[in-house]
Amino acid sequence: MFGNLLGNMEAQQAKMREELAAIIVEAEAGDGAVRVTANAARVILNIALDREKLDLDDLEQLEDLITVAVNRALALAAEQEAAAAQEMLKKMMPPGMDGLSNLFG
C-alpha cells in the first residue's frame, strides 16, 4: 500500500519538475538594460544586455543591474513554483478534502 503511494509521489515530483522547467519568467532592471529569463525550477536560462541602455565602462552599475534582474527573476520563479506546488497538493487530496491543502502553504 505505502510502496504504491511513494511510487506515485515520486512520479508526481518528476512531473512537477518537468512542469516547473516549462514555466518561463522574465524580469528586467535598468528600464530593460538587463533582462533575465528563468524558469520556475529557479534555473537562469538567459541574461540579455541592451548595449544602448548601458554604460559598459561602469562595471559596478552593470553588476548591480544584473543582480537586481536576477533576484527579480528568481522571485517570480519562486511565486510560480509555489502556485504549481499548491495546485499539485490540491490534485493529490482525496475528493472533498482539497480545502486542507491550504494547511501546507
N, C-alpha and C. Protein backbone atom coordinates (compact mmCIF):
# COMPACT_ATOMS: atom_id res chain seq x y z
N MET A 1 0.82 -1.19 0.00
CA MET A 1 0.00 0.00 0.00
C MET A 1 0.87 1.26 0.00
N PHE A 2 1.80 1.35 0.97
CA PHE A 2 2.63 2.55 1.05
C PHE A 2 3.64 2.61 -0.09
N GLY A 3 4.10 1.45 -0.57
CA GLY A 3 5.02 1.42 -1.71
C GLY A 3 4.40 2.08 -2.93
N ASN A 4 3.14 1.77 -3.19
CA ASN A 4 2.43 2.36 -4.32
C ASN A 4 2.27 3.87 -4.12
N LEU A 5 1.97 4.26 -2.88
CA LEU A 5 1.81 5.68 -2.57
C LEU A 5 3.11 6.43 -2.80
N LEU A 6 4.23 5.86 -2.33
CA LEU A 6 5.53 6.50 -2.51
C LEU A 6 5.93 6.54 -3.97
N GLY A 7 5.65 5.48 -4.70
CA GLY A 7 5.94 5.46 -6.12
C GLY A 7 5.17 6.53 -6.85
N ASN A 8 3.91 6.69 -6.49
CA ASN A 8 3.08 7.73 -7.09
C ASN A 8 3.63 9.11 -6.74
N MET A 9 4.09 9.28 -5.50
CA MET A 9 4.65 10.56 -5.07
C MET A 9 5.90 10.89 -5.88
N GLU A 10 6.75 9.91 -6.11
CA GLU A 10 7.95 10.13 -6.91
C GLU A 10 7.59 10.52 -8.34
N ALA A 11 6.59 9.87 -8.89
CA ALA A 11 6.14 10.20 -10.24
C ALA A 11 5.58 11.62 -10.28
N GLN A 12 4.82 11.98 -9.24
CA GLN A 12 4.27 13.33 -9.17
C GLN A 12 5.38 14.38 -9.07
N GLN A 13 6.42 14.07 -8.30
CA GLN A 13 7.54 15.00 -8.16
C GLN A 13 8.28 15.17 -9.49
N ALA A 14 8.48 14.08 -10.20
CA ALA A 14 9.14 14.16 -11.51
C ALA A 14 8.30 14.98 -12.48
N LYS A 15 7.00 14.76 -12.46
CA LYS A 15 6.10 15.53 -13.31
C LYS A 15 6.16 17.01 -12.94
N MET A 16 6.20 17.29 -11.64
CA MET A 16 6.27 18.67 -11.17
C MET A 16 7.55 19.34 -11.64
N ARG A 17 8.68 18.63 -11.57
CA ARG A 17 9.94 19.20 -12.04
C ARG A 17 9.86 19.55 -13.52
N GLU A 18 9.25 18.68 -14.31
CA GLU A 18 9.07 18.94 -15.74
C GLU A 18 8.19 20.17 -15.97
N GLU A 19 7.11 20.25 -15.22
CA GLU A 19 6.20 21.39 -15.36
C GLU A 19 6.88 22.69 -14.96
N LEU A 20 7.66 22.67 -13.88
CA LEU A 20 8.36 23.87 -13.44
C LEU A 20 9.39 24.33 -14.48
N ALA A 21 10.06 23.38 -15.09
CA ALA A 21 11.06 23.72 -16.10
C ALA A 21 10.41 24.37 -17.32
N ALA A 22 9.13 24.10 -17.54
CA ALA A 22 8.43 24.64 -18.71
C ALA A 22 7.82 26.02 -18.45
N ILE A 23 7.74 26.44 -17.19
CA ILE A 23 7.18 27.75 -16.86
C ILE A 23 8.30 28.79 -16.92
N ILE A 24 8.19 29.71 -17.85
CA ILE A 24 9.24 30.70 -18.09
C ILE A 24 8.82 32.06 -17.51
N VAL A 25 9.75 32.70 -16.81
CA VAL A 25 9.53 34.04 -16.29
C VAL A 25 10.65 34.93 -16.78
N GLU A 26 10.35 36.23 -16.86
CA GLU A 26 11.36 37.18 -17.29
C GLU A 26 11.27 38.41 -16.40
N ALA A 27 12.43 38.94 -16.03
CA ALA A 27 12.50 40.15 -15.23
C ALA A 27 13.56 41.06 -15.82
N GLU A 28 13.45 42.34 -15.50
CA GLU A 28 14.42 43.29 -16.04
C GLU A 28 14.81 44.30 -14.98
N ALA A 29 15.87 45.01 -15.28
CA ALA A 29 16.33 46.11 -14.43
C ALA A 29 16.90 47.18 -15.35
N GLY A 30 16.95 48.39 -14.82
CA GLY A 30 17.51 49.49 -15.60
C GLY A 30 16.70 49.82 -16.83
N ASP A 31 15.38 49.79 -16.69
CA ASP A 31 14.49 50.12 -17.81
C ASP A 31 14.74 49.22 -19.02
N GLY A 32 15.01 47.95 -18.74
CA GLY A 32 15.22 46.98 -19.81
C GLY A 32 16.68 46.83 -20.24
N ALA A 33 17.59 47.50 -19.54
CA ALA A 33 19.01 47.39 -19.87
C ALA A 33 19.51 45.96 -19.65
N VAL A 34 18.96 45.30 -18.62
CA VAL A 34 19.30 43.91 -18.32
C VAL A 34 18.01 43.13 -18.21
N ARG A 35 17.92 42.04 -18.97
CA ARG A 35 16.76 41.15 -18.91
C ARG A 35 17.24 39.75 -18.57
N VAL A 36 16.57 39.14 -17.60
CA VAL A 36 16.92 37.79 -17.17
C VAL A 36 15.72 36.89 -17.39
N THR A 37 15.97 35.77 -18.03
CA THR A 37 14.95 34.75 -18.25
C THR A 37 15.30 33.55 -17.38
N ALA A 38 14.29 33.05 -16.67
CA ALA A 38 14.47 31.89 -15.80
C ALA A 38 13.25 31.01 -15.94
N ASN A 39 13.32 29.84 -15.30
CA ASN A 39 12.12 29.00 -15.25
C ASN A 39 11.71 28.83 -13.79
N ALA A 40 10.55 28.25 -13.59
CA ALA A 40 10.02 28.12 -12.24
C ALA A 40 10.78 27.09 -11.41
N ALA A 41 11.70 26.37 -12.03
CA ALA A 41 12.59 25.49 -11.28
C ALA A 41 13.79 26.28 -10.75
N ARG A 42 13.73 27.60 -10.96
CA ARG A 42 14.75 28.54 -10.50
C ARG A 42 16.09 28.34 -11.18
N VAL A 43 16.03 28.09 -12.47
CA VAL A 43 17.22 27.98 -13.29
C VAL A 43 17.27 29.21 -14.20
N ILE A 44 18.40 29.92 -14.19
CA ILE A 44 18.58 31.06 -15.07
C ILE A 44 18.85 30.52 -16.47
N LEU A 45 18.02 30.93 -17.43
CA LEU A 45 18.13 30.44 -18.79
C LEU A 45 18.90 31.40 -19.70
N ASN A 46 18.78 32.71 -19.41
CA ASN A 46 19.43 33.68 -20.27
C ASN A 46 19.55 35.02 -19.54
N ILE A 47 20.62 35.73 -19.85
CA ILE A 47 20.79 37.11 -19.42
C ILE A 47 21.09 37.91 -20.67
N ALA A 48 20.25 38.91 -20.94
CA ALA A 48 20.41 39.74 -22.14
C ALA A 48 20.72 41.17 -21.72
N LEU A 49 21.68 41.77 -22.41
CA LEU A 49 22.08 43.14 -22.13
C LEU A 49 21.77 44.00 -23.34
N ASP A 50 21.21 45.17 -23.09
CA ASP A 50 20.93 46.14 -24.16
C ASP A 50 22.06 47.18 -24.13
N ARG A 51 22.98 47.06 -25.05
CA ARG A 51 24.16 47.94 -25.07
C ARG A 51 23.79 49.41 -25.14
N GLU A 52 22.69 49.72 -25.79
CA GLU A 52 22.29 51.12 -25.94
C GLU A 52 21.83 51.74 -24.61
N LYS A 53 21.43 50.91 -23.68
CA LYS A 53 20.94 51.41 -22.39
C LYS A 53 21.98 51.28 -21.28
N LEU A 54 23.16 50.80 -21.62
CA LEU A 54 24.19 50.56 -20.61
C LEU A 54 25.44 51.38 -20.87
N ASP A 55 26.10 51.75 -19.78
CA ASP A 55 27.44 52.31 -19.87
C ASP A 55 28.37 51.16 -19.52
N LEU A 56 28.93 50.52 -20.54
CA LEU A 56 29.74 49.33 -20.31
C LEU A 56 31.05 49.63 -19.58
N ASP A 57 31.40 50.89 -19.45
CA ASP A 57 32.58 51.25 -18.67
C ASP A 57 32.28 51.31 -17.18
N ASP A 58 31.02 51.35 -16.82
CA ASP A 58 30.61 51.39 -15.41
C ASP A 58 30.24 49.98 -14.95
N LEU A 59 31.26 49.21 -14.63
CA LEU A 59 31.04 47.81 -14.24
C LEU A 59 30.22 47.67 -12.97
N GLU A 60 30.37 48.58 -12.04
CA GLU A 60 29.60 48.50 -10.79
C GLU A 60 28.11 48.62 -11.07
N GLN A 61 27.72 49.55 -11.95
CA GLN A 61 26.31 49.70 -12.31
C GLN A 61 25.82 48.44 -13.02
N LEU A 62 26.62 47.90 -13.93
CA LEU A 62 26.23 46.68 -14.65
C LEU A 62 26.03 45.52 -13.68
N GLU A 63 26.95 45.37 -12.74
CA GLU A 63 26.82 44.30 -11.74
C GLU A 63 25.55 44.48 -10.92
N ASP A 64 25.27 45.72 -10.52
CA ASP A 64 24.06 45.99 -9.74
C ASP A 64 22.80 45.66 -10.53
N LEU A 65 22.77 46.06 -11.79
CA LEU A 65 21.59 45.78 -12.63
C LEU A 65 21.39 44.28 -12.84
N ILE A 66 22.48 43.57 -13.05
CA ILE A 66 22.38 42.12 -13.22
C ILE A 66 21.85 41.47 -11.94
N THR A 67 22.38 41.91 -10.80
CA THR A 67 21.93 41.37 -9.52
C THR A 67 20.44 41.62 -9.30
N VAL A 68 20.00 42.84 -9.56
CA VAL A 68 18.58 43.18 -9.39
C VAL A 68 17.71 42.33 -10.31
N ALA A 69 18.09 42.23 -11.58
CA ALA A 69 17.28 41.47 -12.54
C ALA A 69 17.24 39.99 -12.18
N VAL A 70 18.37 39.42 -11.77
CA VAL A 70 18.40 38.01 -11.37
C VAL A 70 17.51 37.79 -10.16
N ASN A 71 17.61 38.65 -9.16
CA ASN A 71 16.79 38.50 -7.96
C ASN A 71 15.30 38.62 -8.28
N ARG A 72 14.95 39.53 -9.17
CA ARG A 72 13.55 39.67 -9.57
C ARG A 72 13.07 38.41 -10.29
N ALA A 73 13.89 37.90 -11.19
CA ALA A 73 13.51 36.69 -11.93
C ALA A 73 13.34 35.50 -10.98
N LEU A 74 14.26 35.36 -10.02
CA LEU A 74 14.15 34.25 -9.08
C LEU A 74 12.94 34.40 -8.16
N ALA A 75 12.57 35.63 -7.82
CA ALA A 75 11.37 35.85 -7.01
C ALA A 75 10.12 35.45 -7.80
N LEU A 76 10.08 35.84 -9.08
CA LEU A 76 8.94 35.44 -9.92
C LEU A 76 8.90 33.92 -10.07
N ALA A 77 10.06 33.30 -10.23
CA ALA A 77 10.13 31.84 -10.35
C ALA A 77 9.61 31.17 -9.08
N ALA A 78 9.98 31.71 -7.93
CA ALA A 78 9.52 31.15 -6.65
C ALA A 78 8.01 31.26 -6.51
N GLU A 79 7.44 32.38 -6.97
CA GLU A 79 5.98 32.54 -6.93
C GLU A 79 5.30 31.49 -7.81
N GLN A 80 5.83 31.28 -9.00
CA GLN A 80 5.25 30.29 -9.90
C GLN A 80 5.41 28.88 -9.34
N GLU A 81 6.55 28.61 -8.72
CA GLU A 81 6.80 27.30 -8.11
C GLU A 81 5.80 27.05 -6.98
N ALA A 82 5.56 28.05 -6.14
CA ALA A 82 4.62 27.90 -5.03
C ALA A 82 3.21 27.66 -5.54
N ALA A 83 2.82 28.38 -6.59
CA ALA A 83 1.48 28.20 -7.16
C ALA A 83 1.33 26.79 -7.73
N ALA A 84 2.36 26.32 -8.42
CA ALA A 84 2.31 24.98 -9.00
C ALA A 84 2.28 23.91 -7.91
N ALA A 85 3.03 24.10 -6.84
CA ALA A 85 3.03 23.14 -5.73
C ALA A 85 1.66 23.10 -5.06
N GLN A 86 1.05 24.25 -4.89
CA GLN A 86 -0.28 24.33 -4.28
C GLN A 86 -1.29 23.57 -5.15
N GLU A 87 -1.19 23.76 -6.44
CA GLU A 87 -2.10 23.08 -7.37
C GLU A 87 -1.89 21.57 -7.31
N MET A 88 -0.63 21.14 -7.22
CA MET A 88 -0.34 19.71 -7.13
C MET A 88 -0.93 19.12 -5.85
N LEU A 89 -0.82 19.84 -4.75
CA LEU A 89 -1.39 19.36 -3.48
C LEU A 89 -2.90 19.21 -3.58
N LYS A 90 -3.54 20.16 -4.24
CA LYS A 90 -5.00 20.07 -4.41
C LYS A 90 -5.37 18.82 -5.19
N LYS A 91 -4.61 18.51 -6.22
CA LYS A 91 -4.91 17.34 -7.04
C LYS A 91 -4.67 16.04 -6.29
N MET A 92 -3.76 16.06 -5.32
CA MET A 92 -3.43 14.84 -4.58
C MET A 92 -4.42 14.55 -3.46
N MET A 93 -5.16 15.56 -3.02
CA MET A 93 -6.11 15.37 -1.92
C MET A 93 -7.29 14.52 -2.37
N PRO A 94 -7.79 13.70 -1.47
CA PRO A 94 -8.99 12.92 -1.80
C PRO A 94 -10.17 13.87 -2.08
N PRO A 95 -11.14 13.42 -2.88
CA PRO A 95 -12.29 14.27 -3.20
C PRO A 95 -12.93 14.84 -1.93
N GLY A 96 -13.24 16.12 -1.98
CA GLY A 96 -13.89 16.78 -0.87
C GLY A 96 -12.95 17.30 0.20
N MET A 97 -11.66 16.98 0.09
CA MET A 97 -10.71 17.40 1.10
C MET A 97 -9.68 18.40 0.56
N ASP A 98 -9.93 18.92 -0.65
CA ASP A 98 -8.95 19.81 -1.26
C ASP A 98 -8.75 21.11 -0.47
N GLY A 99 -9.68 21.48 0.39
CA GLY A 99 -9.52 22.65 1.23
C GLY A 99 -8.40 22.50 2.24
N LEU A 100 -8.03 21.26 2.57
CA LEU A 100 -6.95 21.04 3.52
C LEU A 100 -5.58 21.37 2.94
N SER A 101 -5.47 21.51 1.63
CA SER A 101 -4.18 21.81 1.03
C SER A 101 -3.66 23.16 1.48
N ASN A 102 -4.53 24.03 1.98
CA ASN A 102 -4.10 25.33 2.49
C ASN A 102 -3.28 25.20 3.77
N LEU A 103 -3.34 24.07 4.41
CA LEU A 103 -2.57 23.86 5.63
C LEU A 103 -1.07 23.84 5.35
N PHE A 104 -0.68 23.56 4.10
CA PHE A 104 0.73 23.40 3.76
C PHE A 104 1.34 24.64 3.11
N GLY A 105 0.63 25.70 3.00
CA GLY A 105 1.26 26.86 2.35
C GLY A 105 0.39 28.00 2.20
